[in-house]
Protein backbone atom coordinates (compact mmCIF):
# COMPACT_ATOMS: atom_id res chain seq x y z
CA MET A 1 14.31 31.56 187.36
CA ASN A 2 15.55 30.31 184.00
CA LYS A 3 19.17 31.06 183.12
CA THR A 4 21.37 31.30 180.05
CA VAL A 5 23.81 28.41 180.41
CA LYS A 6 26.95 27.91 178.33
CA ILE A 7 28.57 24.47 178.40
CA ILE A 8 32.18 23.84 177.39
CA GLY A 9 32.71 20.50 175.65
CA SER A 10 30.31 17.93 174.24
CA GLY A 11 31.29 14.58 175.74
CA PHE A 12 28.98 12.31 177.70
CA SER A 13 29.01 14.46 180.85
CA SER A 14 28.41 17.71 178.95
CA LEU A 15 25.52 16.24 176.97
CA ALA A 16 24.05 14.83 180.18
CA VAL A 17 24.18 18.11 182.11
CA ALA A 18 22.81 19.92 179.05
CA CYS A 19 19.79 17.61 178.95
CA TYR A 20 19.03 18.03 182.65
CA LEU A 21 19.37 21.82 182.55
CA ALA A 22 17.28 22.18 179.38
CA GLN A 23 14.61 19.96 180.93
CA SER A 24 14.49 22.45 183.81
CA GLY A 25 13.77 25.26 181.37
CA HIS A 26 17.18 26.87 181.01
CA ASP A 27 18.53 28.24 177.72
CA VAL A 28 21.45 25.88 177.06
CA THR A 29 24.20 26.06 174.44
CA ILE A 30 27.11 23.63 174.06
CA TYR A 31 30.44 24.79 172.61
CA GLU A 32 32.67 22.07 171.17
CA LYS A 33 36.31 22.64 170.21
CA ASN A 34 36.32 19.99 167.47
CA ALA A 35 34.28 19.62 164.30
CA THR A 36 31.91 16.98 165.66
CA ILE A 37 29.94 16.47 168.86
CA GLY A 38 31.03 13.74 171.28
CA GLY A 39 34.23 14.85 172.97
CA ARG A 40 36.51 11.85 173.37
CA ALA A 41 33.73 9.59 172.08
CA ARG A 42 34.16 10.73 168.51
CA GLN A 43 33.88 8.51 165.45
CA LEU A 44 36.36 7.85 162.67
CA LYS A 45 35.10 6.84 159.21
CA ARG A 46 37.46 5.78 156.44
CA ASP A 47 37.11 3.70 153.28
CA GLY A 48 33.88 2.08 154.43
CA PHE A 49 35.20 1.35 157.94
CA THR A 50 33.78 2.89 161.13
CA PHE A 51 35.65 3.15 164.44
CA ASP A 52 34.83 4.48 167.89
CA MET A 53 37.79 6.74 168.63
CA GLY A 54 37.22 6.69 172.37
CA PRO A 55 35.21 4.34 174.61
CA THR A 56 34.41 0.92 173.14
CA TRP A 57 33.00 -0.90 176.22
CA TYR A 58 29.32 -0.63 177.18
CA TRP A 59 29.07 -1.67 180.83
CA MET A 60 26.55 -0.86 183.56
CA PRO A 61 23.47 -0.73 181.29
CA ASP A 62 21.36 0.19 184.32
CA VAL A 63 23.08 3.59 184.52
CA PHE A 64 22.16 4.35 180.91
CA GLU A 65 18.60 3.19 181.58
CA ARG A 66 18.39 5.46 184.63
CA PHE A 67 19.67 8.42 182.62
CA PHE A 68 17.14 8.08 179.81
CA ALA A 69 14.34 7.27 182.28
CA ASP A 70 14.86 10.72 183.81
CA PHE A 71 13.43 12.04 180.53
CA GLY A 72 10.73 9.45 180.12
CA LYS A 73 12.80 7.53 177.58
CA LYS A 74 14.63 4.23 177.18
CA PRO A 75 17.98 3.46 175.51
CA SER A 76 16.03 1.44 172.93
CA ASP A 77 14.33 4.67 171.83
CA TYR A 78 17.74 5.70 170.43
CA TYR A 79 19.89 2.62 169.81
CA ASN A 80 19.80 -1.16 169.79
CA LEU A 81 21.89 -3.12 172.29
CA ILE A 82 23.49 -6.51 171.64
CA LYS A 83 24.76 -8.59 174.56
CA LEU A 84 28.13 -10.03 173.64
CA SER A 85 28.63 -13.76 174.06
CA PRO A 86 31.32 -14.36 175.01
CA ALA A 87 31.75 -11.00 176.68
CA TYR A 88 35.46 -11.04 175.84
CA ARG A 89 38.47 -13.29 175.34
CA VAL A 90 41.72 -13.08 177.33
CA TYR A 91 44.97 -14.40 175.85
CA PHE A 92 47.78 -15.49 178.14
CA ALA A 93 51.33 -16.66 177.50
CA GLY A 94 51.71 -19.91 175.61
CA HIS A 95 48.80 -19.29 173.21
CA ASP A 96 46.39 -20.07 176.04
CA TYR A 97 43.13 -18.14 176.31
CA VAL A 98 39.98 -17.94 178.43
CA ASP A 99 36.58 -16.83 177.17
CA ILE A 100 34.42 -14.96 179.66
CA ALA A 101 30.84 -16.08 179.16
CA ALA A 102 27.77 -13.86 179.01
CA ASN A 103 26.33 -15.09 182.32
CA PRO A 104 27.85 -15.67 185.79
CA GLU A 105 26.85 -19.34 186.03
CA LYS A 106 29.05 -20.25 183.06
CA ILE A 107 31.87 -18.05 184.32
CA ILE A 108 31.80 -19.88 187.65
CA LYS A 109 32.11 -23.19 185.79
CA THR A 110 35.05 -21.81 183.80
CA PHE A 111 36.83 -20.76 186.99
CA GLU A 112 36.20 -24.13 188.61
CA SER A 113 37.66 -25.93 185.58
CA ILE A 114 40.86 -23.90 185.88
CA GLU A 115 41.26 -23.96 189.67
CA PRO A 116 39.24 -26.49 191.70
CA GLY A 117 37.35 -24.72 194.48
CA SER A 118 37.47 -21.36 192.76
CA GLY A 119 33.87 -21.65 191.56
CA GLU A 120 32.49 -21.38 195.08
CA ALA A 121 35.03 -18.66 195.91
CA LEU A 122 33.91 -16.69 192.86
CA GLN A 123 30.24 -16.99 193.82
CA GLN A 124 31.01 -15.54 197.26
CA PHE A 125 33.15 -12.82 195.73
CA LEU A 126 30.39 -11.86 193.29
CA ASP A 127 27.80 -11.80 196.07
CA GLU A 128 29.96 -9.26 197.90
CA ALA A 129 30.58 -7.35 194.67
CA LYS A 130 26.83 -7.14 193.98
CA SER A 131 26.23 -5.84 197.51
CA ASN A 132 28.84 -3.14 196.92
CA TYR A 133 27.39 -2.37 193.49
CA ASP A 134 23.94 -1.83 194.99
CA ILE A 135 25.39 0.56 197.56
CA ALA A 136 27.73 2.40 195.20
CA ILE A 137 25.90 2.67 191.89
CA LYS A 138 22.39 2.95 193.25
CA ASP A 139 23.28 5.46 195.94
CA LEU A 140 26.80 6.74 196.70
CA VAL A 141 27.86 7.79 193.21
CA TYR A 142 24.77 9.96 192.92
CA ARG A 143 26.08 12.18 195.72
CA PRO A 144 27.97 15.33 194.68
CA GLY A 145 31.16 14.98 196.74
CA GLU A 146 30.61 18.08 198.84
CA SER A 147 31.18 16.43 202.22
CA PRO A 148 32.75 13.27 203.68
CA LEU A 149 29.45 12.70 205.47
CA GLU A 150 27.97 11.66 202.10
CA LEU A 151 29.86 8.39 202.51
CA VAL A 152 28.57 7.73 206.00
CA THR A 153 25.52 5.48 205.92
CA ALA A 154 24.50 2.42 207.89
CA LYS A 155 25.50 0.25 204.92
CA THR A 156 28.87 1.89 204.28
CA MET A 157 29.83 1.73 207.94
CA MET A 158 29.49 -2.05 207.67
CA LYS A 159 31.90 -1.91 204.71
CA LEU A 160 34.41 0.47 206.28
CA GLY A 161 37.30 -1.97 206.17
CA GLN A 162 36.87 -2.33 202.42
CA PHE A 163 37.90 1.27 201.90
CA PHE A 164 41.29 0.52 203.43
CA GLY A 165 41.96 -2.87 201.88
CA ASN A 166 42.77 -3.23 198.18
CA ILE A 167 41.54 -5.29 195.25
CA SER A 168 44.87 -7.01 194.66
CA LYS A 169 45.11 -8.49 198.16
CA ASP A 170 41.45 -9.52 198.20
CA VAL A 171 41.67 -11.35 194.90
CA ARG A 172 44.94 -13.10 195.73
CA LYS A 173 43.56 -14.20 199.08
CA ARG A 174 40.83 -16.18 197.33
CA PHE A 175 42.40 -17.24 194.04
CA LYS A 176 45.85 -18.68 193.38
CA ASN A 177 45.78 -19.26 189.63
CA LYS A 178 47.52 -16.34 187.93
CA LYS A 179 45.10 -16.27 184.99
CA LEU A 180 42.08 -16.00 187.27
CA VAL A 181 43.77 -13.26 189.28
CA GLN A 182 44.42 -11.22 186.15
CA ILE A 183 40.85 -11.69 184.93
CA LEU A 184 39.46 -10.47 188.25
CA GLU A 185 41.84 -7.51 188.43
CA PHE A 186 41.05 -6.41 184.87
CA PRO A 187 37.73 -4.56 185.55
CA VAL A 188 39.26 -2.15 188.06
CA LEU A 189 41.60 -0.90 185.34
CA PHE A 190 38.56 1.08 184.15
CA LEU A 191 38.96 3.06 187.39
CA GLY A 192 42.41 4.17 186.29
CA ALA A 193 44.66 2.78 189.02
CA LYS A 194 46.62 -0.35 189.89
CA PRO A 195 44.56 -3.02 191.68
CA SER A 196 46.95 -2.65 194.62
CA ASP A 197 45.96 1.03 194.90
CA THR A 198 42.23 0.51 194.38
CA PRO A 199 40.08 0.12 197.53
CA SER A 200 38.45 -3.28 198.03
CA PHE A 201 35.01 -1.66 197.91
CA TYR A 202 35.51 -1.12 194.19
CA ASN A 203 35.11 -4.83 193.52
CA PHE A 204 31.65 -3.75 192.42
CA MET A 205 33.30 -3.47 189.01
CA ASN A 206 33.50 -7.28 189.00
CA TYR A 207 29.73 -7.41 189.32
CA ALA A 208 29.43 -4.90 186.50
CA ASP A 209 31.57 -7.28 184.44
CA PHE A 210 30.32 -10.77 185.32
CA GLY A 211 26.87 -9.91 186.67
CA LEU A 212 25.59 -7.36 184.17
CA GLY A 213 27.58 -8.39 181.13
CA THR A 214 29.21 -6.62 178.21
CA TRP A 215 27.05 -5.01 175.54
CA HIS A 216 27.50 -3.40 172.14
CA PRO A 217 25.29 -0.59 170.82
CA GLU A 218 24.68 -1.14 167.11
CA GLY A 219 26.73 1.48 165.32
CA GLY A 220 29.21 1.61 168.21
CA MET A 221 29.41 3.81 171.27
CA TYR A 222 28.89 6.80 169.03
CA SER A 223 25.28 5.64 168.71
CA VAL A 224 24.87 6.58 172.37
CA ILE A 225 26.27 10.03 171.64
CA LYS A 226 23.86 10.41 168.73
CA GLY A 227 20.99 9.33 170.96
CA MET A 228 21.94 11.89 173.58
CA VAL A 229 22.25 14.58 170.90
CA THR A 230 18.76 13.73 169.67
CA LEU A 231 17.41 13.94 173.21
CA ALA A 232 19.24 17.20 173.95
CA THR A 233 18.04 18.79 170.71
CA SER A 234 14.45 17.79 171.47
CA LEU A 235 14.82 19.59 174.81
CA GLY A 236 16.03 22.76 173.08
CA VAL A 237 19.80 22.46 173.57
CA LYS A 238 21.83 24.30 170.93
CA MET A 239 25.24 23.08 169.81
CA VAL A 240 28.15 24.96 168.25
CA THR A 241 31.16 23.10 166.86
CA ASN A 242 34.64 24.36 165.93
CA ALA A 243 34.32 26.67 168.92
CA ALA A 244 37.39 26.52 171.15
CA ILE A 245 37.02 28.54 174.35
CA ASP A 246 39.85 31.02 174.94
CA LYS A 247 38.70 32.70 178.15
CA ILE A 248 36.18 32.51 180.99
CA GLY A 249 35.29 35.97 182.21
CA VAL A 250 34.45 36.79 185.83
CA GLU A 251 32.61 39.94 186.86
CA ASN A 252 31.77 40.74 190.48
CA GLY A 253 32.69 37.19 191.44
CA ASN A 254 30.34 35.65 188.88
CA ALA A 255 31.14 33.58 185.78
CA SER A 256 29.72 36.00 183.23
CA TRP A 257 31.07 35.34 179.75
CA LEU A 258 33.17 33.23 177.42
CA ILE A 259 35.44 34.08 174.55
CA ALA A 260 35.04 31.63 171.67
CA ASN A 261 36.82 32.27 168.37
CA GLY A 262 37.29 35.90 169.36
CA GLU A 263 33.61 36.42 170.17
CA LYS A 264 32.40 37.42 173.63
CA ILE A 265 29.43 35.30 174.71
CA GLU A 266 27.39 36.37 177.74
CA ALA A 267 26.26 33.77 180.27
CA ASP A 268 24.43 33.48 183.56
CA LEU A 269 26.02 30.11 184.30
CA ILE A 270 28.98 28.24 182.84
CA VAL A 271 29.56 24.49 183.05
CA SER A 272 32.76 22.90 181.82
CA GLY A 273 32.95 19.29 180.74
CA ALA A 274 36.37 19.95 179.27
CA ASP A 275 39.60 18.95 180.98
CA TYR A 276 39.41 20.41 184.50
CA HIS A 277 43.01 21.62 184.59
CA HIS A 278 42.67 23.27 181.18
CA THR A 279 39.39 24.91 182.16
CA GLU A 280 41.01 26.60 185.15
CA THR A 281 43.75 28.00 182.90
CA LEU A 282 40.97 29.88 181.09
CA LEU A 283 40.39 31.82 184.32
CA ASP A 284 42.56 34.59 185.70
CA GLU A 285 44.89 33.04 188.26
CA GLN A 286 43.12 34.39 191.35
CA TYR A 287 39.99 32.46 190.39
CA ARG A 288 41.66 29.07 190.03
CA ASN A 289 41.00 26.61 192.81
CA TYR A 290 43.87 24.19 192.14
CA SER A 291 47.54 25.01 191.69
CA GLU A 292 49.93 23.43 189.22
CA SER A 293 51.56 21.58 192.13
CA TYR A 294 48.16 20.14 193.04
CA TRP A 295 47.73 18.63 189.59
CA GLU A 296 51.32 17.44 189.52
CA LYS A 297 50.72 15.42 192.70
CA ARG A 298 47.52 13.73 191.52
CA THR A 299 47.45 10.10 190.38
CA PHE A 300 46.21 10.19 186.82
CA ALA A 301 44.69 7.32 184.94
CA PRO A 302 46.73 6.19 181.94
CA SER A 303 47.02 7.67 178.53
CA SER A 304 46.82 5.36 175.52
CA LEU A 305 48.40 4.56 172.21
CA LEU A 306 45.51 3.72 169.90
CA PHE A 307 45.50 2.31 166.40
CA TYR A 308 42.51 2.22 164.06
CA VAL A 309 43.19 -0.47 161.47
CA GLY A 310 41.36 -1.72 158.40
CA PHE A 311 42.11 -5.33 157.37
CA ASP A 312 41.21 -6.85 154.01
CA LYS A 313 40.19 -10.13 155.67
CA LYS A 314 38.48 -11.37 158.82
CA ILE A 315 40.79 -11.78 161.82
CA GLU A 316 40.37 -15.29 163.21
CA ASN A 317 40.68 -16.66 166.74
CA THR A 318 39.57 -13.38 168.31
CA GLU A 319 36.33 -12.08 169.81
CA HIS A 320 34.73 -8.63 169.63
CA HIS A 321 36.72 -7.66 172.73
CA THR A 322 40.07 -9.43 173.07
CA LEU A 323 42.64 -8.80 175.81
CA PHE A 324 46.29 -9.75 175.45
CA PHE A 325 47.66 -10.51 178.91
CA ASP A 326 50.55 -12.61 177.68
CA THR A 327 53.14 -10.41 179.40
CA ASP A 328 53.69 -9.36 183.02
CA PHE A 329 51.00 -6.91 184.13
CA ASP A 330 52.88 -5.84 187.26
CA ILE A 331 55.87 -4.70 185.21
CA HIS A 332 53.66 -2.83 182.76
CA ALA A 333 51.81 -1.18 185.67
CA LYS A 334 55.08 0.05 187.15
CA ASP A 335 55.93 1.61 183.79
CA ILE A 336 52.66 3.55 183.97
CA TYR A 337 52.42 4.55 187.63
CA ASP A 338 55.75 4.14 189.41
CA ASN A 339 58.48 4.94 186.90
CA PRO A 340 56.78 6.40 183.83
CA ARG A 341 58.30 5.06 180.64
CA TRP A 342 57.38 3.18 177.50
CA PRO A 343 56.86 -0.46 178.53
CA ASP A 344 59.14 -3.08 177.01
CA GLU A 345 56.39 -5.69 176.68
CA PRO A 346 53.01 -3.99 177.07
CA LEU A 347 49.67 -5.61 177.65
CA PHE A 348 47.21 -4.51 175.00
CA TYR A 349 43.56 -4.69 174.07
CA ALA A 350 41.85 -5.17 170.73
CA SER A 351 38.29 -4.45 169.67
CA PHE A 352 36.89 -5.94 166.46
CA PRO A 353 33.47 -4.27 166.21
CA SER A 354 32.82 -5.74 162.76
CA LYS A 355 32.48 -9.18 164.38
CA THR A 356 29.20 -7.97 165.87
CA ASP A 357 28.30 -4.99 163.72
CA ALA A 358 28.32 -5.61 159.96
CA ASP A 359 28.28 -1.87 159.25
CA ALA A 360 31.67 -1.40 160.94
CA ALA A 361 33.56 -2.77 157.91
CA PRO A 362 32.94 -3.66 154.28
CA GLU A 363 31.89 -7.27 153.68
CA GLY A 364 34.69 -9.76 154.23
CA LYS A 365 36.90 -7.17 155.93
CA GLU A 366 37.63 -6.37 159.57
CA ALA A 367 37.73 -3.13 161.57
CA ALA A 368 40.12 -3.24 164.51
CA ILE A 369 40.97 -0.88 167.35
CA PHE A 370 44.14 -1.59 169.33
CA LEU A 371 44.97 0.09 172.65
CA ILE A 372 48.15 0.10 174.71
CA PRO A 373 47.88 1.79 178.15
CA LEU A 374 50.69 4.30 178.71
CA ALA A 375 51.86 6.72 181.34
CA PRO A 376 50.55 10.25 180.70
CA GLY A 377 53.15 12.85 179.85
CA ILE A 378 55.69 10.54 178.23
CA GLU A 379 57.43 11.17 174.92
CA ASP A 380 55.27 10.58 171.86
CA THR A 381 56.86 10.28 168.41
CA ALA A 382 55.95 8.68 165.10
CA GLU A 383 58.91 6.33 165.50
CA LEU A 384 57.71 5.10 168.91
CA ARG A 385 54.19 4.59 167.64
CA GLU A 386 55.46 2.48 164.74
CA LYS A 387 57.77 0.46 166.99
CA TYR A 388 54.89 -0.49 169.28
CA PHE A 389 52.55 -1.24 166.41
CA GLU A 390 55.08 -3.76 165.13
CA LYS A 391 55.32 -5.26 168.64
CA ILE A 392 51.60 -5.88 169.01
CA MET A 393 51.14 -7.09 165.44
CA ALA A 394 53.85 -9.71 165.97
CA ARG A 395 52.17 -10.90 169.16
CA LEU A 396 48.71 -10.87 167.55
CA GLU A 397 50.05 -13.10 164.76
CA SER A 398 51.82 -15.43 167.18
CA LEU A 399 49.00 -15.81 169.69
CA THR A 400 46.19 -16.22 167.15
CA GLY A 401 48.21 -18.30 164.69
CA GLN A 402 47.68 -16.26 161.53
CA ALA A 403 49.32 -13.66 159.32
CA VAL A 404 47.76 -10.23 159.69
CA LYS A 405 50.31 -7.54 158.82
CA GLN A 406 50.16 -8.26 155.10
CA HIS A 407 46.39 -7.77 155.21
CA ILE A 408 46.46 -4.20 156.55
CA ILE A 409 44.72 -1.73 154.23
CA PHE A 410 45.42 1.31 156.40
CA LYS A 411 46.09 2.35 159.98
CA GLU A 412 45.73 5.59 161.89
CA SER A 413 47.13 6.28 165.34
CA PHE A 414 46.22 8.45 168.32
CA CYS A 415 48.45 9.01 171.35
CA VAL A 416 49.59 11.44 174.06
CA ASN A 417 50.17 14.39 171.74
CA ASP A 418 46.73 13.95 170.17
CA PHE A 419 44.97 13.83 173.54
CA ILE A 420 46.64 17.15 174.34
CA GLU A 421 45.94 18.72 170.95
CA ASP A 422 42.35 17.54 170.48
CA TYR A 423 41.08 17.52 174.07
CA ASN A 424 43.43 19.84 176.02
CA SER A 425 44.03 16.79 178.19
CA TYR A 426 46.41 17.25 181.13
CA LYS A 427 49.65 15.48 180.13
CA GLY A 428 47.64 13.66 177.49
CA ASN A 429 45.77 11.44 179.96
CA ALA A 430 42.97 9.41 178.43
CA TYR A 431 40.75 8.62 181.43
CA GLY A 432 41.03 11.43 183.94
CA LEU A 433 41.93 11.00 187.61
CA ALA A 434 42.33 7.51 189.02
CA ASN A 435 39.91 6.38 191.71
CA THR A 436 42.38 5.78 194.52
CA LEU A 437 41.42 6.09 198.20
CA LEU A 438 42.69 9.68 198.39
CA GLN A 439 40.94 10.60 195.14
CA THR A 440 37.48 9.28 195.97
CA ALA A 441 34.23 11.24 196.31
CA PHE A 442 34.76 14.47 198.30
CA LEU A 443 38.55 14.21 197.78
CA ARG A 444 38.21 14.76 194.02
CA PRO A 445 38.15 18.21 192.35
CA LYS A 446 34.86 19.91 193.08
CA LEU A 447 31.82 20.08 190.80
CA LYS A 448 31.18 23.64 191.93
CA SER A 449 33.86 26.33 191.95
CA PRO A 450 34.35 27.68 195.48
CA LYS A 451 35.83 30.91 194.09
CA VAL A 452 33.55 31.80 191.18
CA LYS A 453 29.80 31.86 191.55
CA GLY A 454 27.97 30.27 188.65
CA LEU A 455 30.94 28.17 187.48
CA TYR A 456 30.52 24.39 187.54
CA PHE A 457 32.44 21.37 186.33
CA THR A 458 31.51 17.90 185.15
CA GLY A 459 33.33 14.89 183.76
CA GLN A 460 36.01 12.34 184.56
CA LEU A 461 38.35 14.58 186.56
CA THR A 462 35.64 15.33 189.09
CA VAL A 463 32.88 13.35 190.84
CA PRO A 464 32.27 10.43 190.61
CA GLY A 465 35.23 9.43 188.40
CA PRO A 466 36.43 7.98 185.08
CA GLY A 467 34.30 5.95 182.67
CA VAL A 468 31.19 6.52 180.57
CA PRO A 469 28.53 5.62 183.19
CA PRO A 470 30.19 7.92 185.78
CA ALA A 471 30.22 10.68 183.14
CA LEU A 472 26.43 10.45 182.81
CA ILE A 473 26.13 10.58 186.58
CA SER A 474 28.51 13.53 186.79
CA GLY A 475 26.29 15.52 184.47
CA LYS A 476 23.28 14.83 186.67
CA LEU A 477 25.19 15.83 189.80
CA SER A 478 26.30 19.15 188.32
CA ALA A 479 22.75 19.94 187.22
CA GLY A 480 21.53 19.06 190.70
CA LEU A 481 23.99 21.48 192.33
CA ILE A 482 22.88 24.22 189.96
CA ALA A 483 19.23 23.59 190.82
CA LYS A 484 20.10 23.64 194.51
CA GLN A 485 21.94 26.97 194.16
CA LEU A 486 19.13 28.57 192.18
CA THR A 487 16.55 27.68 194.82
CA LYS A 488 18.64 29.64 197.33
CA GLU A 489 18.70 32.81 195.22
CA PRO A 490 16.19 35.48 196.15
CA GLN A 491 13.36 35.69 193.66
CA VAL A 492 12.67 39.15 192.25
CA THR A 493 8.99 39.90 191.76
CA VAL A 494 7.76 42.78 189.65
CA LYS A 495 4.64 44.54 190.90
CA GLN A 496 2.17 45.43 188.19
CA THR A 497 -0.02 48.50 188.51
CA LEU A 498 -3.37 48.78 186.87
């Protein structure tokens, strides 16, 4: 039986679940708090420059292909992909840098040139990572986290020890060169936790990095959002912007209505892709599944200080994606996870999309996005933002050997307070819940409310976890649980009399 479904939020997971539910024949409407669709993957345009405000990395292209294939489509029906070569550059102390090539054979040669014997070690490591990728991404992450038995398969039982080891120990056991260690630990940062707290099994992220490569959708990651909007619209999904949700109403144990901008909106089913903690505050307390103390005890992925900068010249000695690992990662990580504070010497990341995408900046100019990972919930002031901008600009100039500050046309920033204001993000986190051992699969917040019938969740605080590909998968999982529930409901037939 077709239902009226209201979806809160319009990020990747919300758009994904909307597409699946509309494909099944349901009447689907998305409600977005902000003025544009996309959730955290919004776009900023200014003075001829275009920036992705949220995600800038396109990894795991197979997950995007699988999503669009579910609707008889391909990513190329909506956007053009460019494989980056090199995938990214990593700067270290002493003006030293390593370029990560676009294929694993060249990466192996790079490793071998830095640490003799590491080429063979990397090949073995990647073989294991690919095996884990095939198990995780092709199977496990498409399970809804309802039971620990979902993780028990013949293949995972053979990998059991990898759930109790950690990435940091595994990498350091094989590689001694500090630069190579940092390069191999980098991909798991997308999972939101320290490598020492990330189970060994998650080395599949290294295969996603070295094996599948780094891509750029022409027009930026927002092109993926636009493609999903086009698909959703073609399936009949309706979208309402500037529609903050103030209340989720429950009647007779069922999620029955929303209040948006003072208007009561009836629903048969409600799905929230908004911040999980915030969504539960829209319910009366007796219907919330997780207490404030529960959220307080979770390990959250970092927040971020972001800068969107227009330069009046091209920035040299950088690649599209450039990482600045010229300071101590372990100290920075402690400032995020162990003793939350502003780091003295932060690692940072820069994206220069105009190096690949001419439309990202006017001719002869450069668009740049800078990101500093931060602890969620810390103080956020204009003075702190400016202090850290000066820090990273000085290091950018020093490491790349050029003047840049005098070439800034404009800059805009986005930090903890903005994540809270724009996305109702718990403590201003940017990436949701970290994928630690005790926050994996069935141990994450549930996709289906156990207290309110017809209320579902999707997105980076639930299954399978943070990141854009997991968000697409999360939408599919939520839609699957809804389909499963509806098949259990008794069907009412109406007898006709002649």
